[in-house]
Amino acid sequence: MAHKIDDTCISCGICESECEYDAISPGDEYYEIDPELCTDCGSCVAACPTESIHPE
């Protein structure tokens, strides 16, 4: 199960730098997670300062 970033994201980029699988990239309004690349490791969840990342 992939994770998803909600609209409380402040686009700080911390999650992108923590993702070992390059599954996170900047989106139009906030960062997005590619479900095809996400391995559900949770490193982005632990790094997110606004708790914007949740299981999909």
PDB file of N, CA and C in Angstrom:
ATOM      1  N   MET A   1       0.848  -1.171   0.000  1.00  0.00           N
ATOM      2  CA  MET A   1       0.000   0.000   0.000  1.00  0.00           C
ATOM      3  C   MET A   1       0.897   1.239   0.000  1.00  0.00           C
ATOM      4  N   ALA A   2       0.670   2.106  -0.919  1.00  0.00           N
ATOM      5  CA  ALA A   2       1.450   3.342  -1.027  1.00  0.00           C
ATOM      6  C   ALA A   2       0.931   4.380  -0.034  1.00  0.00           C
ATOM      7  N   HIS A   3       1.732   5.385   0.189  1.00  0.00           N
ATOM      8  CA  HIS A   3       1.332   6.511   1.031  1.00  0.00           C
ATOM      9  C   HIS A   3       0.846   7.656   0.141  1.00  0.00           C
ATOM     10  N   LYS A   4       0.148   8.590   0.758  1.00  0.00           N
ATOM     11  CA  LYS A   4      -0.370   9.750   0.042  1.00  0.00           C
ATOM     12  C   LYS A   4      -0.100  10.994   0.870  1.00  0.00           C
ATOM     13  N   ILE A   5       0.185  12.090   0.187  1.00  0.00           N
ATOM     14  CA  ILE A   5       0.424  13.374   0.851  1.00  0.00           C
ATOM     15  C   ILE A   5      -0.849  14.211   0.737  1.00  0.00           C
ATOM     16  N   ASP A   6      -1.335  14.705   1.879  1.00  0.00           N
ATOM     17  CA  ASP A   6      -2.578  15.483   1.837  1.00  0.00           C
ATOM     18  C   ASP A   6      -2.300  16.980   1.660  1.00  0.00           C
ATOM     19  N   ASP A   7      -3.367  17.754   1.639  1.00  0.00           N
ATOM     20  CA  ASP A   7      -3.251  19.180   1.327  1.00  0.00           C
ATOM     21  C   ASP A   7      -2.708  20.033   2.470  1.00  0.00           C
ATOM     22  N   THR A   8      -2.295  19.412   3.573  1.00  0.00           N
ATOM     23  CA  THR A   8      -1.642  20.174   4.640  1.00  0.00           C
ATOM     24  C   THR A   8      -0.134  20.279   4.400  1.00  0.00           C
ATOM     25  N   CYS A   9       0.344  19.677   3.315  1.00  0.00           N
ATOM     26  CA  CYS A   9       1.756  19.733   2.935  1.00  0.00           C
ATOM     27  C   CYS A   9       2.183  21.186   2.712  1.00  0.00           C
ATOM     28  N   ILE A  10       3.355  21.544   3.255  1.00  0.00           N
ATOM     29  CA  ILE A  10       3.876  22.905   3.089  1.00  0.00           C
ATOM     30  C   ILE A  10       4.996  22.965   2.049  1.00  0.00           C
ATOM     31  N   SER A  11       5.177  21.876   1.308  1.00  0.00           N
ATOM     32  CA  SER A  11       6.179  21.783   0.239  1.00  0.00           C
ATOM     33  C   SER A  11       7.592  22.098   0.708  1.00  0.00           C
ATOM     34  N   CYS A  12       7.942  21.580   1.876  1.00  0.00           N
ATOM     35  CA  CYS A  12       9.288  21.832   2.417  1.00  0.00           C
ATOM     36  C   CYS A  12      10.350  20.960   1.746  1.00  0.00           C
ATOM     37  N   GLY A  13       9.946  19.813   1.172  1.00  0.00           N
ATOM     38  CA  GLY A  13      10.880  18.948   0.463  1.00  0.00           C
ATOM     39  C   GLY A  13      11.616  17.934   1.311  1.00  0.00           C
ATOM     40  N   ILE A  14      11.380  17.924   2.598  1.00  0.00           N
ATOM     41  CA  ILE A  14      12.065  16.978   3.474  1.00  0.00           C
ATOM     42  C   ILE A  14      11.731  15.538   3.080  1.00  0.00           C
ATOM     43  N   CYS A  15      10.488  15.270   2.773  1.00  0.00           N
ATOM     44  CA  CYS A  15      10.081  13.904   2.405  1.00  0.00           C
ATOM     45  C   CYS A  15      10.793  13.427   1.142  1.00  0.00           C
ATOM     46  N   GLU A  16      10.950  14.308   0.186  1.00  0.00           N
ATOM     47  CA  GLU A  16      11.612  13.943  -1.071  1.00  0.00           C
ATOM     48  C   GLU A  16      13.055  13.509  -0.812  1.00  0.00           C
ATOM     49  N   SER A  17      13.742  14.226   0.054  1.00  0.00           N
ATOM     50  CA  SER A  17      15.137  13.884   0.329  1.00  0.00           C
ATOM     51  C   SER A  17      15.261  12.606   1.157  1.00  0.00           C
ATOM     52  N   GLU A  18      14.234  12.236   1.901  1.00  0.00           N
ATOM     53  CA  GLU A  18      14.252  11.025   2.717  1.00  0.00           C
ATOM     54  C   GLU A  18      13.891   9.769   1.925  1.00  0.00           C
ATOM     55  N   CYS A  19      13.226   9.915   0.802  1.00  0.00           N
ATOM     56  CA  CYS A  19      12.753   8.759   0.033  1.00  0.00           C
ATOM     57  C   CYS A  19      13.891   8.112  -0.745  1.00  0.00           C
ATOM     58  N   GLU A  20      14.192   6.854  -0.408  1.00  0.00           N
ATOM     59  CA  GLU A  20      15.270   6.110  -1.069  1.00  0.00           C
ATOM     60  C   GLU A  20      14.877   5.631  -2.465  1.00  0.00           C
ATOM     61  N   TYR A  21      13.605   5.677  -2.780  1.00  0.00           N
ATOM     62  CA  TYR A  21      13.098   5.099  -4.027  1.00  0.00           C
ATOM     63  C   TYR A  21      12.674   6.134  -5.063  1.00  0.00           C
ATOM     64  N   ASP A  22      12.968   7.392  -4.812  1.00  0.00           N
ATOM     65  CA  ASP A  22      12.600   8.491  -5.725  1.00  0.00           C
ATOM     66  C   ASP A  22      11.117   8.486  -6.069  1.00  0.00           C
ATOM     67  N   ALA A  23      10.292   8.155  -5.089  1.00  0.00           N
ATOM     68  CA  ALA A  23       8.851   8.082  -5.305  1.00  0.00           C
ATOM     69  C   ALA A  23       8.157   9.420  -5.062  1.00  0.00           C
ATOM     70  N   ILE A  24       8.865  10.381  -4.494  1.00  0.00           N
ATOM     71  CA  ILE A  24       8.251  11.661  -4.133  1.00  0.00           C
ATOM     72  C   ILE A  24       8.822  12.775  -5.010  1.00  0.00           C
ATOM     73  N   SER A  25       7.911  13.593  -5.529  1.00  0.00           N
ATOM     74  CA  SER A  25       8.335  14.706  -6.375  1.00  0.00           C
ATOM     75  C   SER A  25       7.389  15.889  -6.171  1.00  0.00           C
ATOM     76  N   PRO A  26       7.847  17.097  -6.521  1.00  0.00           N
ATOM     77  CA  PRO A  26       6.974  18.262  -6.390  1.00  0.00           C
ATOM     78  C   PRO A  26       5.776  18.155  -7.332  1.00  0.00           C
ATOM     79  N   GLY A  27       4.612  18.477  -6.811  1.00  0.00           N
ATOM     80  CA  GLY A  27       3.407  18.499  -7.634  1.00  0.00           C
ATOM     81  C   GLY A  27       3.000  19.931  -7.912  1.00  0.00           C
ATOM     82  N   ASP A  28       1.810  20.120  -8.437  1.00  0.00           N
ATOM     83  CA  ASP A  28       1.323  21.461  -8.747  1.00  0.00           C
ATOM     84  C   ASP A  28       1.146  22.313  -7.492  1.00  0.00           C
ATOM     85  N   GLU A  29       0.522  21.719  -6.452  1.00  0.00           N
ATOM     86  CA  GLU A  29       0.261  22.480  -5.227  1.00  0.00           C
ATOM     87  C   GLU A  29       1.114  22.011  -4.056  1.00  0.00           C
ATOM     88  N   TYR A  30       1.441  20.737  -4.008  1.00  0.00           N
ATOM     89  CA  TYR A  30       2.263  20.168  -2.948  1.00  0.00           C
ATOM     90  C   TYR A  30       2.908  18.893  -3.468  1.00  0.00           C
ATOM     91  N   TYR A  31       3.767  18.300  -2.661  1.00  0.00           N
ATOM     92  CA  TYR A  31       4.493  17.110  -3.102  1.00  0.00           C
ATOM     93  C   TYR A  31       3.538  15.932  -3.322  1.00  0.00           C
ATOM     94  N   GLU A  32       3.952  15.023  -4.210  1.00  0.00           N
ATOM     95  CA  GLU A  32       3.133  13.862  -4.542  1.00  0.00           C
ATOM     96  C   GLU A  32       3.983  12.603  -4.459  1.00  0.00           C
ATOM     97  N   ILE A  33       3.330  11.471  -4.160  1.00  0.00           N
ATOM     98  CA  ILE A  33       4.006  10.182  -4.093  1.00  0.00           C
ATOM     99  C   ILE A  33       3.516   9.316  -5.238  1.00  0.00           C
ATOM    100  N   ASP A  34       4.447   8.773  -6.011  1.00  0.00           N
ATOM    101  CA  ASP A  34       4.117   7.868  -7.106  1.00  0.00           C
ATOM    102  C   ASP A  34       3.848   6.484  -6.510  1.00  0.00           C
ATOM    103  N   PRO A  35       2.606   5.990  -6.578  1.00  0.00           N
ATOM    104  CA  PRO A  35       2.289   4.702  -5.969  1.00  0.00           C
ATOM    105  C   PRO A  35       3.010   3.518  -6.615  1.00  0.00           C
ATOM    106  N   GLU A  36       3.476   3.697  -7.828  1.00  0.00           N
ATOM    107  CA  GLU A  36       4.222   2.628  -8.507  1.00  0.00           C
ATOM    108  C   GLU A  36       5.630   2.481  -7.930  1.00  0.00           C
ATOM    109  N   LEU A  37       6.174   3.562  -7.379  1.00  0.00           N
ATOM    110  CA  LEU A  37       7.532   3.550  -6.837  1.00  0.00           C
ATOM    111  C   LEU A  37       7.570   3.416  -5.317  1.00  0.00           C
ATOM    112  N   CYS A  38       6.499   3.774  -4.652  1.00  0.00           N
ATOM    113  CA  CYS A  38       6.441   3.739  -3.194  1.00  0.00           C
ATOM    114  C   CYS A  38       6.451   2.293  -2.694  1.00  0.00           C
ATOM    115  N   THR A  39       7.341   2.014  -1.735  1.00  0.00           N
ATOM    116  CA  THR A  39       7.436   0.668  -1.165  1.00  0.00           C
ATOM    117  C   THR A  39       6.828   0.589   0.229  1.00  0.00           C
ATOM    118  N   ASP A  40       6.207   1.655   0.694  1.00  0.00           N
ATOM    119  CA  ASP A  40       5.557   1.699   1.998  1.00  0.00           C
ATOM    120  C   ASP A  40       6.559   1.568   3.142  1.00  0.00           C
ATOM    121  N   CYS A  41       7.761   2.091   2.958  1.00  0.00           N
ATOM    122  CA  CYS A  41       8.797   1.965   3.996  1.00  0.00           C
ATOM    123  C   CYS A  41       8.542   2.889   5.180  1.00  0.00           C
ATOM    124  N   GLY A  42       7.854   4.021   4.949  1.00  0.00           N
ATOM    125  CA  GLY A  42       7.509   4.934   6.027  1.00  0.00           C
ATOM    126  C   GLY A  42       8.547   5.979   6.381  1.00  0.00           C
ATOM    127  N   SER A  43       9.663   6.026   5.667  1.00  0.00           N
ATOM    128  CA  SER A  43      10.683   7.022   6.004  1.00  0.00           C
ATOM    129  C   SER A  43      10.161   8.443   5.803  1.00  0.00           C
ATOM    130  N   CYS A  44       9.321   8.647   4.829  1.00  0.00           N
ATOM    131  CA  CYS A  44       8.748   9.976   4.590  1.00  0.00           C
ATOM    132  C   CYS A  44       7.779  10.373   5.703  1.00  0.00           C
ATOM    133  N   VAL A  45       7.037   9.411   6.215  1.00  0.00           N
ATOM    134  CA  VAL A  45       6.082   9.685   7.297  1.00  0.00           C
ATOM    135  C   VAL A  45       6.823  10.201   8.522  1.00  0.00           C
ATOM    136  N   ALA A  46       7.913   9.539   8.870  1.00  0.00           N
ATOM    137  CA  ALA A  46       8.698   9.934  10.036  1.00  0.00           C
ATOM    138  C   ALA A  46       9.352  11.299   9.851  1.00  0.00           C
ATOM    139  N   ALA A  47       9.678  11.661   8.622  1.00  0.00           N
ATOM    140  CA  ALA A  47      10.376  12.916   8.347  1.00  0.00           C
ATOM    141  C   ALA A  47       9.448  14.122   8.214  1.00  0.00           C
ATOM    142  N   CYS A  48       8.201  13.906   7.902  1.00  0.00           N
ATOM    143  CA  CYS A  48       7.273  15.011   7.612  1.00  0.00           C
ATOM    144  C   CYS A  48       6.961  15.838   8.862  1.00  0.00           C
ATOM    145  N   PRO A  49       7.301  17.132   8.845  1.00  0.00           N
ATOM    146  CA  PRO A  49       7.066  17.981  10.029  1.00  0.00           C
ATOM    147  C   PRO A  49       5.597  18.349  10.224  1.00  0.00           C
ATOM    148  N   THR A  50       4.766  18.190   9.202  1.00  0.00           N
ATOM    149  CA  THR A  50       3.356  18.558   9.332  1.00  0.00           C
ATOM    150  C   THR A  50       2.417  17.346   9.376  1.00  0.00           C
ATOM    151  N   GLU A  51       2.985  16.148   9.444  1.00  0.00           N
ATOM    152  CA  GLU A  51       2.205  14.906   9.484  1.00  0.00           C
ATOM    153  C   GLU A  51       1.200  14.851   8.323  1.00  0.00           C
ATOM    154  N   SER A  52       1.665  15.219   7.138  1.00  0.00           N
ATOM    155  CA  SER A  52       0.821  15.286   5.944  1.00  0.00           C
ATOM    156  C   SER A  52       0.801  13.989   5.140  1.00  0.00           C
ATOM    157  N   ILE A  53       1.568  12.992   5.560  1.00  0.00           N
ATOM    158  CA  ILE A  53       1.694  11.762   4.784  1.00  0.00           C
ATOM    159  C   ILE A  53       1.007  10.624   5.528  1.00  0.00           C
ATOM    160  N   HIS A  54       0.111   9.934   4.806  1.00  0.00           N
ATOM    161  CA  HIS A  54      -0.698   8.873   5.400  1.00  0.00           C
ATOM    162  C   HIS A  54      -0.795   7.689   4.455  1.00  0.00           C
ATOM    163  N   PRO A  55      -1.065   6.485   4.995  1.00  0.00           N
ATOM    164  CA  PRO A  55      -1.314   5.338   4.117  1.00  0.00           C
ATOM    165  C   PRO A  55      -2.519   5.624   3.229  1.00  0.00           C
ATOM    166  N   GLU A  56      -2.445   5.190   1.993  1.00  0.00           N
ATOM    167  CA  GLU A  56      -3.542   5.443   1.051  1.00  0.00           C
ATOM    168  C   GLU A  56      -4.662   4.451   1.272  1.00  0.00           C
TER     169      GLU A  56
END
